[in-house]
Amino acid sequence: MFVGGIEEIVLKRIEELLDAPESGESAPSLARIETTLTDGYAHVLALEAERSRIERRIGEVAITAEDRVATGLAEELAALATRMRGADGELRKLRSMLGRLNDRARSARRQTIPDLTA
C-alpha cells in the first residue's frame, strides 16, 4: 500500500532511531527524534484517510451491487478488502513503532531537563 516510497524511508528512520543508543555521543538528538515522530504521525493520518476512502468505496459498491455484474462486484470487493487489511496492518506497525519512539523522546527530554533538586 504505502510502503515503497517516502513511507518506507520514514519506517527505516524510526527503526534506526529505535536501534540507536539512548545516551552518549552517538545517541540521536531530541530534535531528530521529534522530527521523525512528526513525519510518522503524518503517515498515520494519511493511512487513516486512505482507510476512510476504502470504507466509503465499499459502501458505494454495496449500494450499486444490484446494477453490477456479480463477478466484477466480487473482484472489486476483494480488492478493497485486501487494501483495507494492508492499511490496517501498516497502521498497527506504524503506531507500535511510533509508541516506542515516543517513549524514547520522553526519555531524551528528561535527560535535557536539569536536575533542580541538587
PDB file of N, CA and C in Angstrom:
ATOM      1  N   MET A   1       0.834  -1.177   0.000  1.00  0.00           N
ATOM      2  CA  MET A   1       0.000   0.000   0.000  1.00  0.00           C
ATOM      3  C   MET A   1       0.880   1.242   0.000  1.00  0.00           C
ATOM      4  N   PHE A   2       1.301   1.719   1.155  1.00  0.00           N
ATOM      5  CA  PHE A   2       2.117   2.921   1.216  1.00  0.00           C
ATOM      6  C   PHE A   2       3.602   2.598   1.192  1.00  0.00           C
ATOM      7  N   VAL A   3       3.984   1.456   1.749  1.00  0.00           N
ATOM      8  CA  VAL A   3       5.406   1.127   1.826  1.00  0.00           C
ATOM      9  C   VAL A   3       5.963   1.006   0.420  1.00  0.00           C
ATOM     10  N   GLY A   4       7.110   1.621   0.205  1.00  0.00           N
ATOM     11  CA  GLY A   4       7.716   1.565  -1.108  1.00  0.00           C
ATOM     12  C   GLY A   4       8.228   2.917  -1.550  1.00  0.00           C
ATOM     13  N   GLY A   5       7.941   3.944  -0.826  1.00  0.00           N
ATOM     14  CA  GLY A   5       8.384   5.280  -1.180  1.00  0.00           C
ATOM     15  C   GLY A   5       8.863   6.005   0.053  1.00  0.00           C
ATOM     16  N   ILE A   6       8.350   7.197   0.209  1.00  0.00           N
ATOM     17  CA  ILE A   6       8.744   8.025   1.351  1.00  0.00           C
ATOM     18  C   ILE A   6       8.359   7.346   2.662  1.00  0.00           C
ATOM     19  N   GLU A   7       7.265   6.584   2.651  1.00  0.00           N
ATOM     20  CA  GLU A   7       6.822   5.896   3.861  1.00  0.00           C
ATOM     21  C   GLU A   7       7.849   4.872   4.322  1.00  0.00           C
ATOM     22  N   GLU A   8       8.443   4.183   3.370  1.00  0.00           N
ATOM     23  CA  GLU A   8       9.472   3.207   3.711  1.00  0.00           C
ATOM     24  C   GLU A   8      10.675   3.902   4.341  1.00  0.00           C
ATOM     25  N   ILE A   9      10.993   5.090   3.854  1.00  0.00           N
ATOM     26  CA  ILE A   9      12.102   5.862   4.408  1.00  0.00           C
ATOM     27  C   ILE A   9      11.800   6.247   5.847  1.00  0.00           C
ATOM     28  N   VAL A  10      10.563   6.672   6.111  1.00  0.00           N
ATOM     29  CA  VAL A  10      10.181   7.045   7.478  1.00  0.00           C
ATOM     30  C   VAL A  10      10.277   5.829   8.393  1.00  0.00           C
ATOM     31  N   LEU A  11       9.789   4.673   7.944  1.00  0.00           N
ATOM     32  CA  LEU A  11       9.883   3.460   8.759  1.00  0.00           C
ATOM     33  C   LEU A  11      11.343   3.121   9.058  1.00  0.00           C
ATOM     34  N   LYS A  12      12.191   3.275   8.069  1.00  0.00           N
ATOM     35  CA  LYS A  12      13.612   2.993   8.265  1.00  0.00           C
ATOM     36  C   LYS A  12      14.220   3.969   9.264  1.00  0.00           C
ATOM     37  N   ARG A  13      13.852   5.255   9.163  1.00  0.00           N
ATOM     38  CA  ARG A  13      14.371   6.251  10.113  1.00  0.00           C
ATOM     39  C   ARG A  13      13.923   5.927  11.532  1.00  0.00           C
ATOM     40  N   ILE A  14      12.673   5.507  11.691  1.00  0.00           N
ATOM     41  CA  ILE A  14      12.176   5.136  13.015  1.00  0.00           C
ATOM     42  C   ILE A  14      12.972   3.955  13.553  1.00  0.00           C
ATOM     43  N   GLU A  15      13.162   2.926  12.724  1.00  0.00           N
ATOM     44  CA  GLU A  15      13.934   1.748  13.153  1.00  0.00           C
ATOM     45  C   GLU A  15      15.354   2.135  13.557  1.00  0.00           C
ATOM     46  N   GLU A  16      15.987   3.003  12.783  1.00  0.00           N
ATOM     47  CA  GLU A  16      17.348   3.443  13.108  1.00  0.00           C
ATOM     48  C   GLU A  16      17.385   4.160  14.452  1.00  0.00           C
ATOM     49  N   LEU A  17      16.402   5.009  14.694  1.00  0.00           N
ATOM     50  CA  LEU A  17      16.361   5.724  15.970  1.00  0.00           C
ATOM     51  C   LEU A  17      16.113   4.774  17.136  1.00  0.00           C
ATOM     52  N   LEU A  18      15.258   3.787  16.924  1.00  0.00           N
ATOM     53  CA  LEU A  18      14.980   2.824  17.988  1.00  0.00           C
ATOM     54  C   LEU A  18      16.188   1.932  18.273  1.00  0.00           C
ATOM     55  N   ASP A  19      16.996   1.686  17.247  1.00  0.00           N
ATOM     56  CA  ASP A  19      18.193   0.855  17.420  1.00  0.00           C
ATOM     57  C   ASP A  19      19.380   1.636  17.977  1.00  0.00           C
ATOM     58  N   ALA A  20      19.313   2.963  17.914  1.00  0.00           N
ATOM     59  CA  ALA A  20      20.429   3.804  18.355  1.00  0.00           C
ATOM     60  C   ALA A  20      20.527   3.804  19.883  1.00  0.00           C
ATOM     61  N   PRO A  21      21.717   4.101  20.402  1.00  0.00           N
ATOM     62  CA  PRO A  21      21.863   4.200  21.860  1.00  0.00           C
ATOM     63  C   PRO A  21      20.978   5.320  22.414  1.00  0.00           C
ATOM     64  N   GLU A  22      20.519   5.140  23.653  1.00  0.00           N
ATOM     65  CA  GLU A  22      19.660   6.142  24.271  1.00  0.00           C
ATOM     66  C   GLU A  22      20.435   7.330  24.812  1.00  0.00           C
ATOM     67  N   SER A  23      21.716   7.147  25.076  1.00  0.00           N
ATOM     68  CA  SER A  23      22.514   8.243  25.622  1.00  0.00           C
ATOM     69  C   SER A  23      23.925   8.171  25.057  1.00  0.00           C
ATOM     70  N   GLY A  24      24.671   9.224  25.300  1.00  0.00           N
ATOM     71  CA  GLY A  24      26.035   9.274  24.806  1.00  0.00           C
ATOM     72  C   GLY A  24      26.135  10.064  23.514  1.00  0.00           C
ATOM     73  N   GLU A  25      27.337  10.157  23.006  1.00  0.00           N
ATOM     74  CA  GLU A  25      27.587  10.958  21.807  1.00  0.00           C
ATOM     75  C   GLU A  25      26.887  10.423  20.566  1.00  0.00           C
ATOM     76  N   SER A  26      26.725   9.119  20.471  1.00  0.00           N
ATOM     77  CA  SER A  26      26.097   8.548  19.271  1.00  0.00           C
ATOM     78  C   SER A  26      24.570   8.454  19.387  1.00  0.00           C
ATOM     79  N   ALA A  27      24.008   8.943  20.497  1.00  0.00           N
ATOM     80  CA  ALA A  27      22.547   8.953  20.642  1.00  0.00           C
ATOM     81  C   ALA A  27      21.958  10.038  19.744  1.00  0.00           C
ATOM     82  N   PRO A  28      20.820   9.763  19.135  1.00  0.00           N
ATOM     83  CA  PRO A  28      20.203  10.779  18.277  1.00  0.00           C
ATOM     84  C   PRO A  28      19.713  11.966  19.101  1.00  0.00           C
ATOM     85  N   SER A  29      19.676  13.116  18.468  1.00  0.00           N
ATOM     86  CA  SER A  29      19.208  14.321  19.157  1.00  0.00           C
ATOM     87  C   SER A  29      17.695  14.257  19.346  1.00  0.00           C
ATOM     88  N   LEU A  30      17.232  14.978  20.344  1.00  0.00           N
ATOM     89  CA  LEU A  30      15.796  15.072  20.590  1.00  0.00           C
ATOM     90  C   LEU A  30      15.094  15.672  19.374  1.00  0.00           C
ATOM     91  N   ALA A  31      15.716  16.649  18.733  1.00  0.00           N
ATOM     92  CA  ALA A  31      15.121  17.277  17.549  1.00  0.00           C
ATOM     93  C   ALA A  31      14.921  16.254  16.431  1.00  0.00           C
ATOM     94  N   ARG A  32      15.894  15.391  16.233  1.00  0.00           N
ATOM     95  CA  ARG A  32      15.778  14.359  15.188  1.00  0.00           C
ATOM     96  C   ARG A  32      14.658  13.383  15.523  1.00  0.00           C
ATOM     97  N   ILE A  33      14.566  13.002  16.782  1.00  0.00           N
ATOM     98  CA  ILE A  33      13.501  12.086  17.207  1.00  0.00           C
ATOM     99  C   ILE A  33      12.144  12.738  16.991  1.00  0.00           C
ATOM    100  N   GLU A  34      12.008  14.001  17.406  1.00  0.00           N
ATOM    101  CA  GLU A  34      10.718  14.676  17.287  1.00  0.00           C
ATOM    102  C   GLU A  34      10.326  14.907  15.826  1.00  0.00           C
ATOM    103  N   THR A  35      11.289  15.207  14.977  1.00  0.00           N
ATOM    104  CA  THR A  35      11.000  15.366  13.548  1.00  0.00           C
ATOM    105  C   THR A  35      10.494  14.055  12.960  1.00  0.00           C
ATOM    106  N   THR A  36      11.132  12.965  13.331  1.00  0.00           N
ATOM    107  CA  THR A  36      10.712  11.655  12.833  1.00  0.00           C
ATOM    108  C   THR A  36       9.334  11.286  13.370  1.00  0.00           C
ATOM    109  N   LEU A  37       9.060  11.618  14.629  1.00  0.00           N
ATOM    110  CA  LEU A  37       7.721  11.380  15.180  1.00  0.00           C
ATOM    111  C   LEU A  37       6.672  12.149  14.371  1.00  0.00           C
ATOM    112  N   THR A  38       6.958  13.408  14.076  1.00  0.00           N
ATOM    113  CA  THR A  38       6.024  14.223  13.298  1.00  0.00           C
ATOM    114  C   THR A  38       5.771  13.606  11.928  1.00  0.00           C
ATOM    115  N   ASP A  39       6.849  13.194  11.258  1.00  0.00           N
ATOM    116  CA  ASP A  39       6.702  12.553   9.949  1.00  0.00           C
ATOM    117  C   ASP A  39       5.889  11.266  10.062  1.00  0.00           C
ATOM    118  N   GLY A  40       6.164  10.496  11.097  1.00  0.00           N
ATOM    119  CA  GLY A  40       5.442   9.240  11.294  1.00  0.00           C
ATOM    120  C   GLY A  40       3.962   9.459  11.537  1.00  0.00           C
ATOM    121  N   TYR A  41       3.635  10.439  12.385  1.00  0.00           N
ATOM    122  CA  TYR A  41       2.225  10.717  12.647  1.00  0.00           C
ATOM    123  C   TYR A  41       1.523  11.267  11.406  1.00  0.00           C
ATOM    124  N   ALA A  42       2.245  11.982  10.562  1.00  0.00           N
ATOM    125  CA  ALA A  42       1.671  12.437   9.287  1.00  0.00           C
ATOM    126  C   ALA A  42       1.291  11.234   8.425  1.00  0.00           C
ATOM    127  N   HIS A  43       2.102  10.194   8.451  1.00  0.00           N
ATOM    128  CA  HIS A  43       1.792   8.991   7.672  1.00  0.00           C
ATOM    129  C   HIS A  43       0.632   8.217   8.286  1.00  0.00           C
ATOM    130  N   VAL A  44       0.507   8.256   9.604  1.00  0.00           N
ATOM    131  CA  VAL A  44      -0.658   7.645  10.247  1.00  0.00           C
ATOM    132  C   VAL A  44      -1.924   8.328   9.730  1.00  0.00           C
ATOM    133  N   LEU A  45      -1.907   9.654   9.698  1.00  0.00           N
ATOM    134  CA  LEU A  45      -3.074  10.382   9.197  1.00  0.00           C
ATOM    135  C   LEU A  45      -3.372  10.036   7.739  1.00  0.00           C
ATOM    136  N   ALA A  46      -2.340   9.906   6.927  1.00  0.00           N
ATOM    137  CA  ALA A  46      -2.532   9.547   5.521  1.00  0.00           C
ATOM    138  C   ALA A  46      -3.129   8.143   5.399  1.00  0.00           C
ATOM    139  N   LEU A  47      -2.652   7.215   6.214  1.00  0.00           N
ATOM    140  CA  LEU A  47      -3.201   5.853   6.185  1.00  0.00           C
ATOM    141  C   LEU A  47      -4.653   5.836   6.642  1.00  0.00           C
ATOM    142  N   GLU A  48      -4.965   6.612   7.672  1.00  0.00           N
ATOM    143  CA  GLU A  48      -6.340   6.673   8.143  1.00  0.00           C
ATOM    144  C   GLU A  48      -7.254   7.278   7.076  1.00  0.00           C
ATOM    145  N   ALA A  49      -6.762   8.271   6.349  1.00  0.00           N
ATOM    146  CA  ALA A  49      -7.545   8.856   5.257  1.00  0.00           C
ATOM    147  C   ALA A  49      -7.773   7.823   4.152  1.00  0.00           C
ATOM    148  N   GLU A  50      -6.733   7.064   3.823  1.00  0.00           N
ATOM    149  CA  GLU A  50      -6.865   6.009   2.817  1.00  0.00           C
ATOM    150  C   GLU A  50      -7.881   4.966   3.269  1.00  0.00           C
ATOM    151  N   ARG A  51      -7.832   4.612   4.532  1.00  0.00           N
ATOM    152  CA  ARG A  51      -8.774   3.654   5.094  1.00  0.00           C
ATOM    153  C   ARG A  51     -10.209   4.171   4.966  1.00  0.00           C
ATOM    154  N   SER A  52     -10.401   5.454   5.240  1.00  0.00           N
ATOM    155  CA  SER A  52     -11.735   6.061   5.112  1.00  0.00           C
ATOM    156  C   SER A  52     -12.213   6.035   3.659  1.00  0.00           C
ATOM    157  N   ARG A  53     -11.304   6.307   2.733  1.00  0.00           N
ATOM    158  CA  ARG A  53     -11.677   6.250   1.310  1.00  0.00           C
ATOM    159  C   ARG A  53     -12.092   4.834   0.918  1.00  0.00           C
ATOM    160  N   ILE A  54     -11.363   3.848   1.417  1.00  0.00           N
ATOM    161  CA  ILE A  54     -11.698   2.450   1.105  1.00  0.00           C
ATOM    162  C   ILE A  54     -13.071   2.102   1.681  1.00  0.00           C
ATOM    163  N   GLU A  55     -13.317   2.476   2.936  1.00  0.00           N
ATOM    164  CA  GLU A  55     -14.617   2.195   3.553  1.00  0.00           C
ATOM    165  C   GLU A  55     -15.751   2.859   2.763  1.00  0.00           C
ATOM    166  N   ARG A  56     -15.524   4.096   2.357  1.00  0.00           N
ATOM    167  CA  ARG A  56     -16.538   4.815   1.572  1.00  0.00           C
ATOM    168  C   ARG A  56     -16.798   4.090   0.247  1.00  0.00           C
ATOM    169  N   ARG A  57     -15.721   3.625  -0.395  1.00  0.00           N
ATOM    170  CA  ARG A  57     -15.865   2.920  -1.670  1.00  0.00           C
ATOM    171  C   ARG A  57     -16.600   1.602  -1.483  1.00  0.00           C
ATOM    172  N   ILE A  58     -16.316   0.896  -0.404  1.00  0.00           N
ATOM    173  CA  ILE A  58     -17.035  -0.354  -0.128  1.00  0.00           C
ATOM    174  C   ILE A  58     -18.528  -0.073  -0.016  1.00  0.00           C
ATOM    175  N   GLY A  59     -18.876   1.011   0.665  1.00  0.00           N
ATOM    176  CA  GLY A  59     -20.285   1.402   0.777  1.00  0.00           C
ATOM    177  C   GLY A  59     -20.895   1.714  -0.570  1.00  0.00           C
ATOM    178  N   GLU A  60     -20.154   2.440  -1.408  1.00  0.00           N
ATOM    179  CA  GLU A  60     -20.652   2.770  -2.754  1.00  0.00           C
ATOM    180  C   GLU A  60     -20.871   1.510  -3.581  1.00  0.00           C
ATOM    181  N   VAL A  61     -19.933   0.591  -3.507  1.00  0.00           N
ATOM    182  CA  VAL A  61     -20.044  -0.655  -4.269  1.00  0.00           C
ATOM    183  C   VAL A  61     -21.255  -1.448  -3.777  1.00  0.00           C
ATOM    184  N   ALA A  62     -21.442  -1.500  -2.470  1.00  0.00           N
ATOM    185  CA  ALA A  62     -22.574  -2.251  -1.918  1.00  0.00           C
ATOM    186  C   ALA A  62     -23.908  -1.656  -2.360  1.00  0.00           C
ATOM    187  N   ILE A  63     -23.986  -0.318  -2.399  1.00  0.00           N
ATOM    188  CA  ILE A  63     -25.234   0.341  -2.799  1.00  0.00           C
ATOM    189  C   ILE A  63     -25.570   0.047  -4.255  1.00  0.00           C
ATOM    190  N   THR A  64     -24.574  -0.015  -5.104  1.00  0.00           N
ATOM    191  CA  THR A  64     -24.807  -0.234  -6.533  1.00  0.00           C
ATOM    192  C   THR A  64     -24.694  -1.700  -6.926  1.00  0.00           C
ATOM    193  N   ALA A  65     -24.682  -2.601  -5.957  1.00  0.00           N
ATOM    194  CA  ALA A  65     -24.447  -4.021  -6.222  1.00  0.00           C
ATOM    195  C   ALA A  65     -25.456  -4.612  -7.202  1.00  0.00           C
ATOM    196  N   GLU A  66     -26.699  -4.248  -7.091  1.00  0.00           N
ATOM    197  CA  GLU A  66     -27.707  -4.859  -7.959  1.00  0.00           C
ATOM    198  C   GLU A  66     -27.569  -4.415  -9.409  1.00  0.00           C
ATOM    199  N   ASP A  67     -26.867  -3.312  -9.636  1.00  0.00           N
ATOM    200  CA  ASP A  67     -26.676  -2.815 -11.001  1.00  0.00           C
ATOM    201  C   ASP A  67     -25.428  -3.386 -11.670  1.00  0.00           C
ATOM    202  N   ARG A  68     -24.671  -4.199 -10.959  1.00  0.00           N
ATOM    203  CA  ARG A  68     -23.386  -4.651 -11.489  1.00  0.00           C
ATOM    204  C   ARG A  68     -23.398  -6.152 -11.744  1.00  0.00           C
ATOM    205  N   VAL A  69     -22.492  -6.563 -12.573  1.00  0.00           N
ATOM    206  CA  VAL A  69     -22.304  -7.984 -12.825  1.00  0.00           C
ATOM    207  C   VAL A  69     -21.655  -8.578 -11.573  1.00  0.00           C
ATOM    208  N   ALA A  70     -22.136  -9.701 -11.112  1.00  0.00           N
ATOM    209  CA  ALA A  70     -21.675 -10.305  -9.860  1.00  0.00           C
ATOM    210  C   ALA A  70     -20.165 -10.524  -9.847  1.00  0.00           C
ATOM    211  N   THR A  71     -19.580 -10.943 -10.939  1.00  0.00           N
ATOM    212  CA  THR A  71     -18.141 -11.214 -10.982  1.00  0.00           C
ATOM    213  C   THR A  71     -17.334  -9.950 -10.731  1.00  0.00           C
ATOM    214  N   GLY A  72     -17.672  -8.885 -11.417  1.00  0.00           N
ATOM    215  CA  GLY A  72     -16.950  -7.626 -11.230  1.00  0.00           C
ATOM    216  C   GLY A  72     -17.102  -7.096  -9.819  1.00  0.00           C
ATOM    217  N   LEU A  73     -18.275  -7.259  -9.249  1.00  0.00           N
ATOM    218  CA  LEU A  73     -18.533  -6.820  -7.885  1.00  0.00           C
ATOM    219  C   LEU A  73     -17.664  -7.580  -6.898  1.00  0.00           C
ATOM    220  N   ALA A  74     -17.629  -8.877  -7.037  1.00  0.00           N
ATOM    221  CA  ALA A  74     -16.829  -9.700  -6.127  1.00  0.00           C
ATOM    222  C   ALA A  74     -15.348  -9.347  -6.226  1.00  0.00           C
ATOM    223  N   GLU A  75     -14.873  -9.141  -7.438  1.00  0.00           N
ATOM    224  CA  GLU A  75     -13.457  -8.787  -7.620  1.00  0.00           C
ATOM    225  C   GLU A  75     -13.131  -7.445  -6.985  1.00  0.00           C
ATOM    226  N   GLU A  76     -14.000  -6.462  -7.175  1.00  0.00           N
ATOM    227  CA  GLU A  76     -13.735  -5.144  -6.594  1.00  0.00           C
ATOM    228  C   GLU A  76     -13.785  -5.195  -5.076  1.00  0.00           C
ATOM    229  N   LEU A  77     -14.777  -5.907  -4.532  1.00  0.00           N
ATOM    230  CA  LEU A  77     -14.856  -6.025  -3.073  1.00  0.00           C
ATOM    231  C   LEU A  77     -13.641  -6.750  -2.506  1.00  0.00           C
ATOM    232  N   ALA A  78     -13.167  -7.775  -3.199  1.00  0.00           N
ATOM    233  CA  ALA A  78     -11.976  -8.499  -2.743  1.00  0.00           C
ATOM    234  C   ALA A  78     -10.757  -7.583  -2.765  1.00  0.00           C
ATOM    235  N   ALA A  79     -10.632  -6.778  -3.817  1.00  0.00           N
ATOM    236  CA  ALA A  79      -9.502  -5.852  -3.904  1.00  0.00           C
ATOM    237  C   ALA A  79      -9.573  -4.800  -2.802  1.00  0.00           C
ATOM    238  N   LEU A  80     -10.773  -4.295  -2.549  1.00  0.00           N
ATOM    239  CA  LEU A  80     -10.937  -3.300  -1.483  1.00  0.00           C
ATOM    240  C   LEU A  80     -10.634  -3.906  -0.115  1.00  0.00           C
ATOM    241  N   ALA A  81     -11.074  -5.138   0.103  1.00  0.00           N
ATOM    242  CA  ALA A  81     -10.798  -5.814   1.373  1.00  0.00           C
ATOM    243  C   ALA A  81      -9.299  -6.017   1.559  1.00  0.00           C
ATOM    244  N   THR A  82      -8.595  -6.358   0.496  1.00  0.00           N
ATOM    245  CA  THR A  82      -7.143  -6.527   0.562  1.00  0.00           C
ATOM    246  C   THR A  82      -6.471  -5.210   0.904  1.00  0.00           C
ATOM    247  N   ARG A  83      -6.909  -4.122   0.267  1.00  0.00           N
ATOM    248  CA  ARG A  83      -6.351  -2.802   0.574  1.00  0.00           C
ATOM    249  C   ARG A  83      -6.622  -2.414   2.021  1.00  0.00           C
ATOM    250  N   MET A  84      -7.818  -2.726   2.520  1.00  0.00           N
ATOM    251  CA  MET A  84      -8.183  -2.401   3.907  1.00  0.00           C
ATOM    252  C   MET A  84      -7.297  -3.165   4.882  1.00  0.00           C
ATOM    253  N   ARG A  85      -7.093  -4.458   4.625  1.00  0.00           N
ATOM    254  CA  ARG A  85      -6.215  -5.248   5.503  1.00  0.00           C
ATOM    255  C   ARG A  85      -4.795  -4.696   5.477  1.00  0.00           C
ATOM    256  N   GLY A  86      -4.324  -4.300   4.298  1.00  0.00           N
ATOM    257  CA  GLY A  86      -2.989  -3.726   4.185  1.00  0.00           C
ATOM    258  C   GLY A  86      -2.857  -2.442   4.984  1.00  0.00           C
ATOM    259  N   ALA A  87      -3.845  -1.570   4.864  1.00  0.00           N
ATOM    260  CA  ALA A  87      -3.820  -0.308   5.611  1.00  0.00           C
ATOM    261  C   ALA A  87      -3.869  -0.578   7.106  1.00  0.00           C
ATOM    262  N   ASP A  88      -4.710  -1.527   7.518  1.00  0.00           N
ATOM    263  CA  ASP A  88      -4.797  -1.859   8.948  1.00  0.00           C
ATOM    264  C   ASP A  88      -3.464  -2.382   9.482  1.00  0.00           C
ATOM    265  N   GLY A  89      -2.817  -3.252   8.725  1.00  0.00           N
ATOM    266  CA  GLY A  89      -1.528  -3.797   9.148  1.00  0.00           C
ATOM    267  C   GLY A  89      -0.462  -2.717   9.240  1.00  0.00           C
ATOM    268  N   GLU A  90      -0.437  -1.836   8.244  1.00  0.00           N
ATOM    269  CA  GLU A  90       0.540  -0.747   8.270  1.00  0.00           C
ATOM    270  C   GLU A  90       0.282   0.196   9.435  1.00  0.00           C
ATOM    271  N   LEU A  91      -0.990   0.473   9.712  1.00  0.00           N
ATOM    272  CA  LEU A  91      -1.316   1.338  10.842  1.00  0.00           C
ATOM    273  C   LEU A  91      -0.861   0.721  12.163  1.00  0.00           C
ATOM    274  N   ARG A  92      -1.117  -0.568  12.336  1.00  0.00           N
ATOM    275  CA  ARG A  92      -0.692  -1.241  13.576  1.00  0.00           C
ATOM    276  C   ARG A  92       0.817  -1.163  13.744  1.00  0.00           C
ATOM    277  N   LYS A  93       1.546  -1.466  12.677  1.00  0.00           N
ATOM    278  CA  LYS A  93       3.008  -1.459  12.745  1.00  0.00           C
ATOM    279  C   LYS A  93       3.528  -0.054  13.029  1.00  0.00           C
ATOM    280  N   LEU A  94       3.020   0.916  12.301  1.00  0.00           N
ATOM    281  CA  LEU A  94       3.496   2.282  12.459  1.00  0.00           C
ATOM    282  C   LEU A  94       3.157   2.827  13.839  1.00  0.00           C
ATOM    283  N   ARG A  95       1.950   2.577  14.318  1.00  0.00           N
ATOM    284  CA  ARG A  95       1.578   3.051  15.663  1.00  0.00           C
ATOM    285  C   ARG A  95       2.448   2.416  16.743  1.00  0.00           C
ATOM    286  N   SER A  96       2.743   1.140  16.595  1.00  0.00           N
ATOM    287  CA  SER A  96       3.598   0.459  17.559  1.00  0.00           C
ATOM    288  C   SER A  96       4.993   1.083  17.586  1.00  0.00           C
ATOM    289  N   MET A  97       5.548   1.284  16.403  1.00  0.00           N
ATOM    290  CA  MET A  97       6.890   1.866  16.317  1.00  0.00           C
ATOM    291  C   MET A  97       6.899   3.302  16.838  1.00  0.00           C
ATOM    292  N   LEU A  98       5.860   4.057  16.516  1.00  0.00           N
ATOM    293  CA  LEU A  98       5.792   5.439  16.990  1.00  0.00           C
ATOM    294  C   LEU A  98       5.617   5.502  18.509  1.00  0.00           C
ATOM    295  N   GLY A  99       4.894   4.555  19.068  1.00  0.00           N
ATOM    296  CA  GLY A  99       4.754   4.497  20.524  1.00  0.00           C
ATOM    297  C   GLY A  99       6.108   4.291  21.196  1.00  0.00           C
ATOM    298  N   ARG A 100       6.892   3.373  20.638  1.00  0.00           N
ATOM    299  CA  ARG A 100       8.234   3.129  21.193  1.00  0.00           C
ATOM    300  C   ARG A 100       9.122   4.351  21.010  1.00  0.00           C
ATOM    301  N   LEU A 101       9.027   5.004  19.858  1.00  0.00           N
ATOM    302  CA  LEU A 101       9.841   6.189  19.610  1.00  0.00           C
ATOM    303  C   LEU A 101       9.398   7.347  20.503  1.00  0.00           C
ATOM    304  N   ASN A 102       8.118   7.450  20.773  1.00  0.00           N
ATOM    305  CA  ASN A 102       7.618   8.479  21.678  1.00  0.00           C
ATOM    306  C   ASN A 102       8.165   8.257  23.092  1.00  0.00           C
ATOM    307  N   ASP A 103       8.248   7.007  23.515  1.00  0.00           N
ATOM    308  CA  ASP A 103       8.876   6.693  24.810  1.00  0.00           C
ATOM    309  C   ASP A 103      10.325   7.156  24.819  1.00  0.00           C
ATOM    310  N   ARG A 104      11.013   6.932  23.716  1.00  0.00           N
ATOM    311  CA  ARG A 104      12.416   7.354  23.588  1.00  0.00           C
ATOM    312  C   ARG A 104      12.517   8.879  23.675  1.00  0.00           C
ATOM    313  N   ALA A 105      11.580   9.581  23.054  1.00  0.00           N
ATOM    314  CA  ALA A 105      11.585  11.049  23.094  1.00  0.00           C
ATOM    315  C   ALA A 105      11.367  11.546  24.519  1.00  0.00           C
ATOM    316  N   ARG A 106      10.447  10.918  25.248  1.00  0.00           N
ATOM    317  CA  ARG A 106      10.226  11.308  26.653  1.00  0.00           C
ATOM    318  C   ARG A 106      11.491  11.131  27.471  1.00  0.00           C
ATOM    319  N   SER A 107      12.161  10.023  27.247  1.00  0.00           N
ATOM    320  CA  SER A 107      13.415   9.762  27.955  1.00  0.00           C
ATOM    321  C   SER A 107      14.466  10.818  27.598  1.00  0.00           C
ATOM    322  N   ALA A 108      14.561  11.168  26.332  1.00  0.00           N
ATOM    323  CA  ALA A 108      15.524  12.178  25.887  1.00  0.00           C
ATOM    324  C   ALA A 108      15.190  13.540  26.487  1.00  0.00           C
ATOM    325  N   ARG A 109      13.915  13.864  26.588  1.00  0.00           N
ATOM    326  CA  ARG A 109      13.520  15.136  27.195  1.00  0.00           C
ATOM    327  C   ARG A 109      13.929  15.184  28.666  1.00  0.00           C
ATOM    328  N   ARG A 110      13.738  14.080  29.376  1.00  0.00           N
ATOM    329  CA  ARG A 110      14.128  14.039  30.794  1.00  0.00           C
ATOM    330  C   ARG A 110      15.636  14.259  30.950  1.00  0.00           C
ATOM    331  N   GLN A 111      16.418  13.766  29.988  1.00  0.00           N
ATOM    332  CA  GLN A 111      17.861  13.927  30.070  1.00  0.00           C
ATOM    333  C   GLN A 111      18.283  15.369  29.816  1.00  0.00           C
ATOM    334  N   THR A 112      17.459  16.138  29.112  1.00  0.00           N
ATOM    335  CA  THR A 112      17.850  17.516  28.793  1.00  0.00           C
ATOM    336  C   THR A 112      17.379  18.504  29.852  1.00  0.00           C
ATOM    337  N   ILE A 113      16.486  18.066  30.749  1.00  0.00           N
ATOM    338  CA  ILE A 113      15.996  18.939  31.816  1.00  0.00           C
ATOM    339  C   ILE A 113      16.972  18.871  32.987  1.00  0.00           C
ATOM    340  N   PRO A 114      17.481  20.012  33.428  1.00  0.00           N
ATOM    341  CA  PRO A 114      18.442  19.988  34.535  1.00  0.00           C
ATOM    342  C   PRO A 114      17.778  19.569  35.838  1.00  0.00           C
ATOM    343  N   ASP A 115      18.544  18.904  36.659  1.00  0.00           N
ATOM    344  CA  ASP A 115      18.062  18.450  37.975  1.00  0.00           C
ATOM    345  C   ASP A 115      18.084  19.662  38.914  1.00  0.00           C
ATOM    346  N   LEU A 116      16.922  20.165  39.277  1.00  0.00           N
ATOM    347  CA  LEU A 116      16.810  21.360  40.126  1.00  0.00           C
ATOM    348  C   LEU A 116      16.799  21.019  41.608  1.00  0.00           C
ATOM    349  N   THR A 117      16.823  19.732  41.931  1.00  0.00           N
ATOM    350  CA  THR A 117      16.799  19.333  43.339  1.00  0.00           C
ATOM    351  C   THR A 117      18.182  19.320  43.952  1.00  0.00           C
ATOM    352  N   ALA A 118      19.220  19.423  43.142  1.00  0.00           N
ATOM    353  CA  ALA A 118      20.585  19.348  43.651  1.00  0.00           C
ATOM    354  C   ALA A 118      21.047  20.672  44.225  1.00  0.00           C
TER     355      ALA A 118
END
